[in-house]
Amino acid sequence: MKTSRYTKVAVIIMVVLFVAISVISCSTHVHNSGNKIPPGQAKKMSGSKSAKAYAPGQQKKK
C-alpha cells in the first residue's frame, strides 16, 4: 500500500499534538484553605515544645 508524503506528515503532526495536549492537561492543583495548618505541624516548624499556643481553642481573645 502506497502512502503519500502528506499523509505521513499529517500523522506525525497529529501524534505530536496528542502528546503535547496530554502533557499539558496533566497538572496538579493544590488548594490551601486559608493558610491553616494543624497545631502540631506549626509546633514542629517553630521548634517550640508545646502546640498549645497554636491551637485555636487555646488562644486568648483580645
PDB file of N, CA and C in Angstrom:
ATOM      1  N   MET A   1       0.842  -1.172   0.000  1.00  0.00           N
ATOM      2  CA  MET A   1       0.000   0.000   0.000  1.00  0.00           C
ATOM      3  C   MET A   1       0.888   1.235   0.000  1.00  0.00           C
ATOM      4  N   LYS A   2       0.630   2.128  -0.892  1.00  0.00           N
ATOM      5  CA  LYS A   2       1.449   3.318  -1.043  1.00  0.00           C
ATOM      6  C   LYS A   2       0.790   4.496  -0.307  1.00  0.00           C
ATOM      7  N   THR A   3       1.570   5.138   0.586  1.00  0.00           N
ATOM      8  CA  THR A   3       1.041   6.295   1.306  1.00  0.00           C
ATOM      9  C   THR A   3       1.758   7.537   0.820  1.00  0.00           C
ATOM     10  N   SER A   4       1.011   8.600   0.758  1.00  0.00           N
ATOM     11  CA  SER A   4       1.610   9.836   0.261  1.00  0.00           C
ATOM     12  C   SER A   4       2.428  10.510   1.362  1.00  0.00           C
ATOM     13  N   ARG A   5       3.231  11.430   0.945  1.00  0.00           N
ATOM     14  CA  ARG A   5       4.093  12.165   1.884  1.00  0.00           C
ATOM     15  C   ARG A   5       3.246  13.011   2.829  1.00  0.00           C
ATOM     16  N   TYR A   6       2.159  13.563   2.321  1.00  0.00           N
ATOM     17  CA  TYR A   6       1.293  14.418   3.133  1.00  0.00           C
ATOM     18  C   TYR A   6       0.593  13.620   4.230  1.00  0.00           C
ATOM     19  N   THR A   7       0.278  12.374   3.944  1.00  0.00           N
ATOM     20  CA  THR A   7      -0.354  11.521   4.948  1.00  0.00           C
ATOM     21  C   THR A   7       0.608  11.250   6.104  1.00  0.00           C
ATOM     22  N   LYS A   8       1.855  10.974   5.782  1.00  0.00           N
ATOM     23  CA  LYS A   8       2.854  10.733   6.823  1.00  0.00           C
ATOM     24  C   LYS A   8       3.049  11.975   7.676  1.00  0.00           C
ATOM     25  N   VAL A   9       3.126  13.142   7.054  1.00  0.00           N
ATOM     26  CA  VAL A   9       3.304  14.400   7.786  1.00  0.00           C
ATOM     27  C   VAL A   9       2.095  14.665   8.672  1.00  0.00           C
ATOM     28  N   ALA A  10       0.894  14.406   8.155  1.00  0.00           N
ATOM     29  CA  ALA A  10      -0.334  14.619   8.919  1.00  0.00           C
ATOM     30  C   ALA A  10      -0.371  13.706  10.150  1.00  0.00           C
ATOM     31  N   VAL A  11       0.034  12.460   9.993  1.00  0.00           N
ATOM     32  CA  VAL A  11       0.048  11.521  11.119  1.00  0.00           C
ATOM     33  C   VAL A  11       1.072  11.964  12.164  1.00  0.00           C
ATOM     34  N   ILE A  12       2.234  12.400  11.748  1.00  0.00           N
ATOM     35  CA  ILE A  12       3.260  12.858  12.688  1.00  0.00           C
ATOM     36  C   ILE A  12       2.769  14.082  13.454  1.00  0.00           C
ATOM     37  N   ILE A  13       2.138  15.019  12.755  1.00  0.00           N
ATOM     38  CA  ILE A  13       1.618  16.226  13.422  1.00  0.00           C
ATOM     39  C   ILE A  13       0.533  15.855  14.430  1.00  0.00           C
ATOM     40  N   MET A  14      -0.346  14.921  14.061  1.00  0.00           N
ATOM     41  CA  MET A  14      -1.414  14.509  14.981  1.00  0.00           C
ATOM     42  C   MET A  14      -0.845  13.826  16.219  1.00  0.00           C
ATOM     43  N   VAL A  15       0.176  13.009  16.058  1.00  0.00           N
ATOM     44  CA  VAL A  15       0.793  12.340  17.205  1.00  0.00           C
ATOM     45  C   VAL A  15       1.471  13.361  18.116  1.00  0.00           C
ATOM     46  N   VAL A  16       2.179  14.321  17.540  1.00  0.00           N
ATOM     47  CA  VAL A  16       2.848  15.354  18.337  1.00  0.00           C
ATOM     48  C   VAL A  16       1.817  16.189  19.088  1.00  0.00           C
ATOM     49  N   LEU A  17       0.727  16.570  18.430  1.00  0.00           N
ATOM     50  CA  LEU A  17      -0.323  17.330  19.094  1.00  0.00           C
ATOM     51  C   LEU A  17      -0.972  16.530  20.222  1.00  0.00           C
ATOM     52  N   PHE A  18      -1.208  15.248  20.002  1.00  0.00           N
ATOM     53  CA  PHE A  18      -1.799  14.401  21.042  1.00  0.00           C
ATOM     54  C   PHE A  18      -0.898  14.327  22.269  1.00  0.00           C
ATOM     55  N   VAL A  19       0.391  14.127  22.039  1.00  0.00           N
ATOM     56  CA  VAL A  19       1.338  14.059  23.158  1.00  0.00           C
ATOM     57  C   VAL A  19       1.408  15.409  23.885  1.00  0.00           C
ATOM     58  N   ALA A  20       1.437  16.505  23.135  1.00  0.00           N
ATOM     59  CA  ALA A  20       1.514  17.834  23.749  1.00  0.00           C
ATOM     60  C   ALA A  20       0.275  18.122  24.584  1.00  0.00           C
ATOM     61  N   ILE A  21      -0.897  17.813  24.068  1.00  0.00           N
ATOM     62  CA  ILE A  21      -2.137  18.048  24.820  1.00  0.00           C
ATOM     63  C   ILE A  21      -2.188  17.144  26.050  1.00  0.00           C
ATOM     64  N   SER A  22      -1.721  15.924  25.940  1.00  0.00           N
ATOM     65  CA  SER A  22      -1.704  15.019  27.088  1.00  0.00           C
ATOM     66  C   SER A  22      -0.797  15.540  28.195  1.00  0.00           C
ATOM     67  N   VAL A  23       0.352  16.073  27.833  1.00  0.00           N
ATOM     68  CA  VAL A  23       1.292  16.587  28.831  1.00  0.00           C
ATOM     69  C   VAL A  23       0.750  17.863  29.464  1.00  0.00           C
ATOM     70  N   ILE A  24       0.162  18.733  28.669  1.00  0.00           N
ATOM     71  CA  ILE A  24      -0.364  19.996  29.192  1.00  0.00           C
ATOM     72  C   ILE A  24      -1.520  19.749  30.154  1.00  0.00           C
ATOM     73  N   SER A  25      -2.342  18.759  29.883  1.00  0.00           N
ATOM     74  CA  SER A  25      -3.518  18.515  30.717  1.00  0.00           C
ATOM     75  C   SER A  25      -3.166  17.842  32.040  1.00  0.00           C
ATOM     76  N   CYS A  26      -1.958  17.357  32.203  1.00  0.00           N
ATOM     77  CA  CYS A  26      -1.541  16.711  33.445  1.00  0.00           C
ATOM     78  C   CYS A  26      -0.977  17.759  34.402  1.00  0.00           C
ATOM     79  N   SER A  27      -1.854  18.402  35.130  1.00  0.00           N
ATOM     80  CA  SER A  27      -1.403  19.388  36.104  1.00  0.00           C
ATOM     81  C   SER A  27      -2.056  19.103  37.443  1.00  0.00           C
ATOM     82  N   THR A  28      -1.377  19.467  38.502  1.00  0.00           N
ATOM     83  CA  THR A  28      -1.918  19.259  39.834  1.00  0.00           C
ATOM     84  C   THR A  28      -2.379  20.588  40.400  1.00  0.00           C
ATOM     85  N   HIS A  29      -3.404  20.522  41.209  1.00  0.00           N
ATOM     86  CA  HIS A  29      -3.937  21.721  41.839  1.00  0.00           C
ATOM     87  C   HIS A  29      -3.844  21.550  43.345  1.00  0.00           C
ATOM     88  N   VAL A  30      -3.214  22.500  44.001  1.00  0.00           N
ATOM     89  CA  VAL A  30      -3.090  22.467  45.448  1.00  0.00           C
ATOM     90  C   VAL A  30      -4.025  23.521  46.015  1.00  0.00           C
ATOM     91  N   HIS A  31      -4.935  23.079  46.858  1.00  0.00           N
ATOM     92  CA  HIS A  31      -5.872  24.010  47.477  1.00  0.00           C
ATOM     93  C   HIS A  31      -5.413  24.269  48.904  1.00  0.00           C
ATOM     94  N   ASN A  32      -5.136  25.517  49.191  1.00  0.00           N
ATOM     95  CA  ASN A  32      -4.702  25.899  50.520  1.00  0.00           C
ATOM     96  C   ASN A  32      -5.868  26.608  51.188  1.00  0.00           C
ATOM     97  N   SER A  33      -6.418  26.023  52.229  1.00  0.00           N
ATOM     98  CA  SER A  33      -7.608  26.575  52.868  1.00  0.00           C
ATOM     99  C   SER A  33      -7.231  27.651  53.883  1.00  0.00           C
ATOM    100  N   GLY A  34      -6.927  28.816  53.406  1.00  0.00           N
ATOM    101  CA  GLY A  34      -6.682  29.936  54.301  1.00  0.00           C
ATOM    102  C   GLY A  34      -5.395  29.846  55.096  1.00  0.00           C
ATOM    103  N   ASN A  35      -4.409  29.115  54.621  1.00  0.00           N
ATOM    104  CA  ASN A  35      -3.111  29.027  55.281  1.00  0.00           C
ATOM    105  C   ASN A  35      -3.201  28.410  56.677  1.00  0.00           C
ATOM    106  N   LYS A  36      -4.178  27.540  56.903  1.00  0.00           N
ATOM    107  CA  LYS A  36      -4.345  26.892  58.207  1.00  0.00           C
ATOM    108  C   LYS A  36      -3.577  25.578  58.215  1.00  0.00           C
ATOM    109  N   ILE A  37      -2.793  25.388  59.252  1.00  0.00           N
ATOM    110  CA  ILE A  37      -2.067  24.132  59.420  1.00  0.00           C
ATOM    111  C   ILE A  37      -2.362  23.621  60.819  1.00  0.00           C
ATOM    112  N   PRO A  38      -2.295  22.336  61.035  1.00  0.00           N
ATOM    113  CA  PRO A  38      -2.579  21.777  62.358  1.00  0.00           C
ATOM    114  C   PRO A  38      -1.591  22.298  63.412  1.00  0.00           C
ATOM    115  N   PRO A  39      -2.035  22.400  64.667  1.00  0.00           N
ATOM    116  CA  PRO A  39      -1.164  22.918  65.727  1.00  0.00           C
ATOM    117  C   PRO A  39       0.145  22.146  65.876  1.00  0.00           C
ATOM    118  N   GLY A  40       0.091  20.838  65.687  1.00  0.00           N
ATOM    119  CA  GLY A  40       1.306  20.034  65.822  1.00  0.00           C
ATOM    120  C   GLY A  40       2.332  20.362  64.750  1.00  0.00           C
ATOM    121  N   GLN A  41       1.857  20.628  63.532  1.00  0.00           N
ATOM    122  CA  GLN A  41       2.778  20.989  62.459  1.00  0.00           C
ATOM    123  C   GLN A  41       3.370  22.369  62.684  1.00  0.00           C
ATOM    124  N   ALA A  42       2.558  23.312  63.199  1.00  0.00           N
ATOM    125  CA  ALA A  42       3.069  24.650  63.499  1.00  0.00           C
ATOM    126  C   ALA A  42       4.129  24.576  64.598  1.00  0.00           C
ATOM    127  N   LYS A  43       3.919  23.692  65.561  1.00  0.00           N
ATOM    128  CA  LYS A  43       4.889  23.496  66.642  1.00  0.00           C
ATOM    129  C   LYS A  43       6.206  22.976  66.076  1.00  0.00           C
ATOM    130  N   LYS A  44       6.130  22.021  65.174  1.00  0.00           N
ATOM    131  CA  LYS A  44       7.348  21.456  64.585  1.00  0.00           C
ATOM    132  C   LYS A  44       8.119  22.507  63.794  1.00  0.00           C
ATOM    133  N   MET A  45       7.384  23.355  63.048  1.00  0.00           N
ATOM    134  CA  MET A  45       8.050  24.351  62.216  1.00  0.00           C
ATOM    135  C   MET A  45       8.709  25.440  63.059  1.00  0.00           C
ATOM    136  N   SER A  46       8.086  25.789  64.191  1.00  0.00           N
ATOM    137  CA  SER A  46       8.658  26.860  65.017  1.00  0.00           C
ATOM    138  C   SER A  46       9.703  26.334  65.989  1.00  0.00           C
ATOM    139  N   GLY A  47       9.636  25.041  66.306  1.00  0.00           N
ATOM    140  CA  GLY A  47      10.617  24.458  67.212  1.00  0.00           C
ATOM    141  C   GLY A  47      10.239  24.565  68.674  1.00  0.00           C
ATOM    142  N   SER A  48       9.021  25.009  68.962  1.00  0.00           N
ATOM    143  CA  SER A  48       8.618  25.121  70.367  1.00  0.00           C
ATOM    144  C   SER A  48       8.285  23.744  70.928  1.00  0.00           C
ATOM    145  N   LYS A  49       8.150  23.667  72.265  1.00  0.00           N
ATOM    146  CA  LYS A  49       7.925  22.383  72.904  1.00  0.00           C
ATOM    147  C   LYS A  49       6.449  22.036  73.036  1.00  0.00           C
ATOM    148  N   SER A  50       5.567  23.037  72.947  1.00  0.00           N
ATOM    149  CA  SER A  50       4.150  22.801  73.125  1.00  0.00           C
ATOM    150  C   SER A  50       3.364  23.325  71.925  1.00  0.00           C
ATOM    151  N   ALA A  51       2.306  22.598  71.573  1.00  0.00           N
ATOM    152  CA  ALA A  51       1.437  23.022  70.482  1.00  0.00           C
ATOM    153  C   ALA A  51       0.275  23.856  71.000  1.00  0.00           C
ATOM    154  N   LYS A  52       0.231  24.074  72.312  1.00  0.00           N
ATOM    155  CA  LYS A  52      -0.881  24.781  72.939  1.00  0.00           C
ATOM    156  C   LYS A  52      -1.050  26.185  72.371  1.00  0.00           C
ATOM    157  N   ALA A  53       0.027  26.866  72.076  1.00  0.00           N
ATOM    158  CA  ALA A  53      -0.038  28.239  71.582  1.00  0.00           C
ATOM    159  C   ALA A  53      -0.611  28.313  70.167  1.00  0.00           C
ATOM    160  N   TYR A  54      -0.612  27.200  69.454  1.00  0.00           N
ATOM    161  CA  TYR A  54      -1.075  27.197  68.074  1.00  0.00           C
ATOM    162  C   TYR A  54      -2.494  26.634  67.925  1.00  0.00           C
ATOM    163  N   ALA A  55      -3.061  26.096  68.984  1.00  0.00           N
ATOM    164  CA  ALA A  55      -4.415  25.543  68.933  1.00  0.00           C
ATOM    165  C   ALA A  55      -5.429  26.674  69.019  1.00  0.00           C
ATOM    166  N   PRO A  56      -6.443  26.696  68.149  1.00  0.00           N
ATOM    167  CA  PRO A  56      -7.403  27.799  68.141  1.00  0.00           C
ATOM    168  C   PRO A  56      -8.178  27.942  69.448  1.00  0.00           C
ATOM    169  N   GLY A  57      -8.450  26.859  70.130  1.00  0.00           N
ATOM    170  CA  GLY A  57      -9.204  26.934  71.392  1.00  0.00           C
ATOM    171  C   GLY A  57      -8.360  27.431  72.553  1.00  0.00           C
ATOM    172  N   GLN A  58      -7.051  27.515  72.385  1.00  0.00           N
ATOM    173  CA  GLN A  58      -6.172  27.897  73.481  1.00  0.00           C
ATOM    174  C   GLN A  58      -5.695  29.351  73.350  1.00  0.00           C
ATOM    175  N   GLN A  59      -6.139  30.069  72.350  1.00  0.00           N
ATOM    176  CA  GLN A  59      -5.703  31.443  72.163  1.00  0.00           C
ATOM    177  C   GLN A  59      -6.616  32.395  72.921  1.00  0.00           C
ATOM    178  N   LYS A  60      -6.014  33.398  73.552  1.00  0.00           N
ATOM    179  CA  LYS A  60      -6.787  34.377  74.310  1.00  0.00           C
ATOM    180  C   LYS A  60      -7.435  35.368  73.357  1.00  0.00           C
ATOM    181  N   LYS A  61      -8.652  35.767  73.688  1.00  0.00           N
ATOM    182  CA  LYS A  61      -9.346  36.768  72.889  1.00  0.00           C
ATOM    183  C   LYS A  61      -8.935  38.153  73.355  1.00  0.00           C
ATOM    184  N   LYS A  62      -8.845  39.101  72.443  1.00  0.00           N
ATOM    185  CA  LYS A  62      -8.430  40.461  72.786  1.00  0.00           C
ATOM    186  C   LYS A  62      -9.617  41.319  73.102  1.00  0.00           C
TER     187      LYS A  62
END
